[in-house]
Amino acid sequence: MKAISAFDRYTVFVEHIVPSFLFSRLLSETGQLLGMPSLAPSSEGVCQLAFDGRHLVQIVDVRARDHILLSCFIGSEKITAEQAMLVASSNFMQAAGGAVACATPDGRLMLQFGIARTACQASLLLSAIEALLNQVETWEAKLSRATTSVHDSRDFLALNLSSA
């Protein structure tokens, strides 16, 4: 069953699916390794794990693409134009460590990483989650530096213009 709901100015398609046995078993085995034996997908087929109270990793079985997709937001605010340029150049140069950086419809930055369903085991999923979180932290630092350097440049320019 597919439902359509309005989200700001965008149309969002939400598909309610019964999670596959493979995905449910993968999450159960991953939960065993994490000490969370009841780890399972929601009725929408999504599993969310919070790390350090800062990062929320979503795990979804994308059967149509034969992948398990990991997603994690970076920060809680919309990205600036300067940050968007950094993201675009990093994707072009493949500097996202295997993850893809993208902007969501609300303007926030998200990293995504896909794993082939057939190759995905609990230990591989845990490694992928760890790699994604490492990239999220790297991106947080990059974006912070990009924002700081833009502010420093503006402050330097303003200081020089006011003293002239």
C-alpha atoms as a PDB file:
ATOM      1  CA  MET A   1       0.000   0.000   0.000  1.00  0.00           C
ATOM      2  CA  LYS A   2       1.362   3.421  -0.886  1.00  0.00           C
ATOM      3  CA  ALA A   3       0.286   6.641   0.778  1.00  0.00           C
ATOM      4  CA  ILE A   4       1.043  10.194  -0.260  1.00  0.00           C
ATOM      5  CA  SER A   5       1.409  12.968   2.273  1.00  0.00           C
ATOM      6  CA  ALA A   6       2.304  16.628   1.920  1.00  0.00           C
ATOM      7  CA  PHE A   7       5.566  17.678   3.552  1.00  0.00           C
ATOM      8  CA  ASP A   8       6.152  21.404   3.253  1.00  0.00           C
ATOM      9  CA  ARG A   9       6.269  22.019  -0.496  1.00  0.00           C
ATOM     10  CA  TYR A  10       7.352  18.503  -1.359  1.00  0.00           C
ATOM     11  CA  THR A  11       5.380  15.353  -1.959  1.00  0.00           C
ATOM     12  CA  VAL A  12       6.609  12.389   0.004  1.00  0.00           C
ATOM     13  CA  PHE A  13       5.795   8.827  -0.952  1.00  0.00           C
ATOM     14  CA  VAL A  14       5.600   6.457   1.974  1.00  0.00           C
ATOM     15  CA  GLU A  15       5.443   2.774   1.239  1.00  0.00           C
ATOM     16  CA  HIS A  16       4.167   0.508   3.996  1.00  0.00           C
ATOM     17  CA  ILE A  17       5.793  -2.859   3.515  1.00  0.00           C
ATOM     18  CA  VAL A  18       6.204  -6.055   5.415  1.00  0.00           C
ATOM     19  CA  PRO A  19       9.921  -6.301   6.207  1.00  0.00           C
ATOM     20  CA  SER A  20      11.615  -9.233   4.501  1.00  0.00           C
ATOM     21  CA  PHE A  21      12.689 -12.240   6.522  1.00  0.00           C
ATOM     22  CA  LEU A  22      16.295 -11.634   5.401  1.00  0.00           C
ATOM     23  CA  PHE A  23      16.255  -8.060   6.730  1.00  0.00           C
ATOM     24  CA  SER A  24      14.550  -9.029   9.977  1.00  0.00           C
ATOM     25  CA  ARG A  25      17.084 -11.811  10.550  1.00  0.00           C
ATOM     26  CA  LEU A  26      19.997  -9.474   9.719  1.00  0.00           C
ATOM     27  CA  LEU A  27      18.787  -6.943  12.284  1.00  0.00           C
ATOM     28  CA  SER A  28      18.211  -9.648  14.880  1.00  0.00           C
ATOM     29  CA  GLU A  29      21.766 -10.965  14.423  1.00  0.00           C
ATOM     30  CA  THR A  30      23.143  -7.415  14.517  1.00  0.00           C
ATOM     31  CA  GLY A  31      21.151  -6.767  17.677  1.00  0.00           C
ATOM     32  CA  GLN A  32      22.707  -9.862  19.271  1.00  0.00           C
ATOM     33  CA  LEU A  33      26.185  -8.431  18.588  1.00  0.00           C
ATOM     34  CA  LEU A  34      25.130  -5.067  20.044  1.00  0.00           C
ATOM     35  CA  GLY A  35      23.492  -6.578  23.120  1.00  0.00           C
ATOM     36  CA  MET A  36      20.044  -5.591  21.817  1.00  0.00           C
ATOM     37  CA  PRO A  37      18.410  -8.970  21.109  1.00  0.00           C
ATOM     38  CA  SER A  38      15.041  -7.473  20.193  1.00  0.00           C
ATOM     39  CA  LEU A  39      16.397  -5.267  17.381  1.00  0.00           C
ATOM     40  CA  ALA A  40      13.908  -5.408  14.516  1.00  0.00           C
ATOM     41  CA  PRO A  41      12.535  -3.228  11.729  1.00  0.00           C
ATOM     42  CA  SER A  42       9.434  -1.118  12.271  1.00  0.00           C
ATOM     43  CA  SER A  43       6.210  -1.893  10.423  1.00  0.00           C
ATOM     44  CA  GLU A  44       7.460   0.552   7.747  1.00  0.00           C
ATOM     45  CA  GLY A  45      10.619  -1.536   7.317  1.00  0.00           C
ATOM     46  CA  VAL A  46      13.010   0.917   8.984  1.00  0.00           C
ATOM     47  CA  CYS A  47      15.394   0.391  11.884  1.00  0.00           C
ATOM     48  CA  GLN A  48      16.857   3.410  13.693  1.00  0.00           C
ATOM     49  CA  LEU A  49      19.840   3.314  16.029  1.00  0.00           C
ATOM     50  CA  ALA A  50      20.953   6.299  18.113  1.00  0.00           C
ATOM     51  CA  PHE A  51      24.648   6.720  18.862  1.00  0.00           C
ATOM     52  CA  ASP A  52      26.051   8.976  21.601  1.00  0.00           C
ATOM     53  CA  GLY A  53      22.793  10.930  21.649  1.00  0.00           C
ATOM     54  CA  ARG A  54      24.055  12.787  18.561  1.00  0.00           C
ATOM     55  CA  HIS A  55      23.645  10.550  15.550  1.00  0.00           C
ATOM     56  CA  LEU A  56      20.621   8.632  14.330  1.00  0.00           C
ATOM     57  CA  VAL A  57      21.417   5.927  11.791  1.00  0.00           C
ATOM     58  CA  GLN A  58      18.512   4.634   9.738  1.00  0.00           C
ATOM     59  CA  ILE A  59      18.755   1.186   8.194  1.00  0.00           C
ATOM     60  CA  VAL A  60      16.378   0.302   5.370  1.00  0.00           C
ATOM     61  CA  ASP A  61      16.017  -2.725   3.122  1.00  0.00           C
ATOM     62  CA  VAL A  62      15.785  -1.340  -0.417  1.00  0.00           C
ATOM     63  CA  ARG A  63      14.686  -4.523  -2.127  1.00  0.00           C
ATOM     64  CA  ALA A  64      14.165  -2.866  -5.509  1.00  0.00           C
ATOM     65  CA  ARG A  65      17.884  -1.988  -5.579  1.00  0.00           C
ATOM     66  CA  ASP A  66      18.983  -5.161  -3.762  1.00  0.00           C
ATOM     67  CA  HIS A  67      20.720  -3.058  -1.100  1.00  0.00           C
ATOM     68  CA  ILE A  68      20.612  -2.353   2.597  1.00  0.00           C
ATOM     69  CA  LEU A  69      20.779   1.441   2.871  1.00  0.00           C
ATOM     70  CA  LEU A  70      22.328   3.228   5.850  1.00  0.00           C
ATOM     71  CA  SER A  71      21.557   6.935   6.295  1.00  0.00           C
ATOM     72  CA  CYS A  72      22.621   9.507   8.863  1.00  0.00           C
ATOM     73  CA  PHE A  73      21.969  13.244   9.071  1.00  0.00           C
ATOM     74  CA  ILE A  74      24.902  15.559   9.628  1.00  0.00           C
ATOM     75  CA  GLY A  75      23.987  18.385  11.953  1.00  0.00           C
ATOM     76  CA  SER A  76      20.519  19.705  12.554  1.00  0.00           C
ATOM     77  CA  GLU A  77      20.484  22.776  10.348  1.00  0.00           C
ATOM     78  CA  LYS A  78      20.247  23.468   6.644  1.00  0.00           C
ATOM     79  CA  ILE A  79      23.539  23.550   4.827  1.00  0.00           C
ATOM     80  CA  THR A  80      24.886  26.848   3.568  1.00  0.00           C
ATOM     81  CA  ALA A  81      25.849  27.554  -0.033  1.00  0.00           C
ATOM     82  CA  GLU A  82      29.537  27.238   0.888  1.00  0.00           C
ATOM     83  CA  GLN A  83      28.926  23.864   2.516  1.00  0.00           C
ATOM     84  CA  ALA A  84      26.878  22.695  -0.486  1.00  0.00           C
ATOM     85  CA  MET A  85      29.834  23.499  -2.750  1.00  0.00           C
ATOM     86  CA  LEU A  86      32.103  21.439  -0.489  1.00  0.00           C
ATOM     87  CA  VAL A  87      29.641  18.535  -0.649  1.00  0.00           C
ATOM     88  CA  ALA A  88      29.371  18.740  -4.436  1.00  0.00           C
ATOM     89  CA  SER A  89      33.127  18.811  -4.935  1.00  0.00           C
ATOM     90  CA  SER A  90      33.641  15.937  -2.492  1.00  0.00           C
ATOM     91  CA  ASN A  91      31.081  13.749  -4.253  1.00  0.00           C
ATOM     92  CA  PHE A  92      32.714  14.572  -7.574  1.00  0.00           C
ATOM     93  CA  MET A  93      36.131  13.645  -6.206  1.00  0.00           C
ATOM     94  CA  GLN A  94      34.726  10.617  -4.296  1.00  0.00           C
ATOM     95  CA  ALA A  95      36.042  11.972  -1.007  1.00  0.00           C
ATOM     96  CA  ALA A  96      33.093  10.831   1.086  1.00  0.00           C
ATOM     97  CA  GLY A  97      34.764   7.565   2.094  1.00  0.00           C
ATOM     98  CA  GLY A  98      32.372   5.350   0.140  1.00  0.00           C
ATOM     99  CA  ALA A  99      29.329   7.216   1.386  1.00  0.00           C
ATOM    100  CA  VAL A 100      27.278   9.602  -0.728  1.00  0.00           C
ATOM    101  CA  ALA A 101      26.619  13.079   0.650  1.00  0.00           C
ATOM    102  CA  CYS A 102      23.256  14.516  -0.315  1.00  0.00           C
ATOM    103  CA  ALA A 103      20.869  17.270   0.675  1.00  0.00           C
ATOM    104  CA  THR A 104      17.407  16.262   1.835  1.00  0.00           C
ATOM    105  CA  PRO A 105      14.276  18.140   0.671  1.00  0.00           C
ATOM    106  CA  ASP A 106      14.395  20.255   3.856  1.00  0.00           C
ATOM    107  CA  GLY A 107      18.005  21.325   3.117  1.00  0.00           C
ATOM    108  CA  ARG A 108      19.810  19.188   5.700  1.00  0.00           C
ATOM    109  CA  LEU A 109      22.877  17.173   4.835  1.00  0.00           C
ATOM    110  CA  MET A 110      22.753  13.391   4.934  1.00  0.00           C
ATOM    111  CA  LEU A 111      25.335  10.699   4.286  1.00  0.00           C
ATOM    112  CA  GLN A 112      24.165   7.430   2.786  1.00  0.00           C
ATOM    113  CA  PHE A 113      25.923   4.126   2.275  1.00  0.00           C
ATOM    114  CA  GLY A 114      24.586   1.030   0.518  1.00  0.00           C
ATOM    115  CA  ILE A 115      25.521  -2.608   1.049  1.00  0.00           C
ATOM    116  CA  ALA A 116      24.524  -5.422  -1.303  1.00  0.00           C
ATOM    117  CA  ARG A 117      21.751  -7.423   0.388  1.00  0.00           C
ATOM    118  CA  THR A 118      23.212 -10.782  -0.577  1.00  0.00           C
ATOM    119  CA  ALA A 119      26.624  -9.981   0.942  1.00  0.00           C
ATOM    120  CA  CYS A 120      25.316  -8.306   4.088  1.00  0.00           C
ATOM    121  CA  GLN A 121      25.907 -10.109   7.359  1.00  0.00           C
ATOM    122  CA  ALA A 122      25.668  -8.732  10.900  1.00  0.00           C
ATOM    123  CA  SER A 123      29.430  -8.150  11.224  1.00  0.00           C
ATOM    124  CA  LEU A 124      29.535  -6.345   7.868  1.00  0.00           C
ATOM    125  CA  LEU A 125      26.545  -4.215   8.845  1.00  0.00           C
ATOM    126  CA  LEU A 126      28.248  -3.211  12.100  1.00  0.00           C
ATOM    127  CA  SER A 127      31.434  -2.320  10.224  1.00  0.00           C
ATOM    128  CA  ALA A 128      29.416  -0.260   7.736  1.00  0.00           C
ATOM    129  CA  ILE A 129      27.625   1.581  10.557  1.00  0.00           C
ATOM    130  CA  GLU A 130      30.973   2.367  12.189  1.00  0.00           C
ATOM    131  CA  ALA A 131      32.439   3.569   8.875  1.00  0.00           C
ATOM    132  CA  LEU A 132      29.380   5.749   8.236  1.00  0.00           C
ATOM    133  CA  LEU A 133      29.589   7.298  11.714  1.00  0.00           C
ATOM    134  CA  ASN A 134      33.314   7.983  11.184  1.00  0.00           C
ATOM    135  CA  GLN A 135      32.475   9.769   7.940  1.00  0.00           C
ATOM    136  CA  VAL A 136      29.688  11.747   9.660  1.00  0.00           C
ATOM    137  CA  GLU A 137      32.183  12.978  12.262  1.00  0.00           C
ATOM    138  CA  THR A 138      34.703  13.826   9.536  1.00  0.00           C
ATOM    139  CA  TRP A 139      32.026  15.770   7.675  1.00  0.00           C
ATOM    140  CA  GLU A 140      30.972  17.626  10.812  1.00  0.00           C
ATOM    141  CA  ALA A 141      34.570  18.833  11.196  1.00  0.00           C
ATOM    142  CA  LYS A 142      34.851  19.739   7.478  1.00  0.00           C
ATOM    143  CA  LEU A 143      31.599  21.683   7.519  1.00  0.00           C
ATOM    144  CA  SER A 144      32.575  23.459  10.715  1.00  0.00           C
ATOM    145  CA  ARG A 145      35.892  24.510   9.150  1.00  0.00           C
ATOM    146  CA  ALA A 146      34.124  25.629   5.963  1.00  0.00           C
ATOM    147  CA  THR A 147      31.728  27.777   7.974  1.00  0.00           C
ATOM    148  CA  THR A 148      34.540  29.163  10.153  1.00  0.00           C
ATOM    149  CA  SER A 149      36.745  30.028   7.166  1.00  0.00           C
ATOM    150  CA  VAL A 150      33.854  31.864   5.477  1.00  0.00           C
ATOM    151  CA  HIS A 151      33.167  33.834   8.684  1.00  0.00           C
ATOM    152  CA  ASP A 152      36.897  34.563   9.122  1.00  0.00           C
ATOM    153  CA  SER A 153      37.105  35.814   5.518  1.00  0.00           C
ATOM    154  CA  ARG A 154      34.059  38.049   6.025  1.00  0.00           C
ATOM    155  CA  ASP A 155      35.459  39.381   9.336  1.00  0.00           C
ATOM    156  CA  PHE A 156      38.851  40.034   7.703  1.00  0.00           C
ATOM    157  CA  LEU A 157      37.182  41.825   4.788  1.00  0.00           C
ATOM    158  CA  ALA A 158      34.959  43.886   7.106  1.00  0.00           C
ATOM    159  CA  LEU A 159      37.946  44.828   9.296  1.00  0.00           C
ATOM    160  CA  ASN A 160      40.022  45.947   6.306  1.00  0.00           C
ATOM    161  CA  LEU A 161      37.166  47.877   4.739  1.00  0.00           C
ATOM    162  CA  SER A 162      36.364  49.714   7.988  1.00  0.00           C
ATOM    163  CA  SER A 163      40.000  50.738   8.543  1.00  0.00           C
ATOM    164  CA  ALA A 164      40.365  52.115   5.014  1.00  0.00           C
END
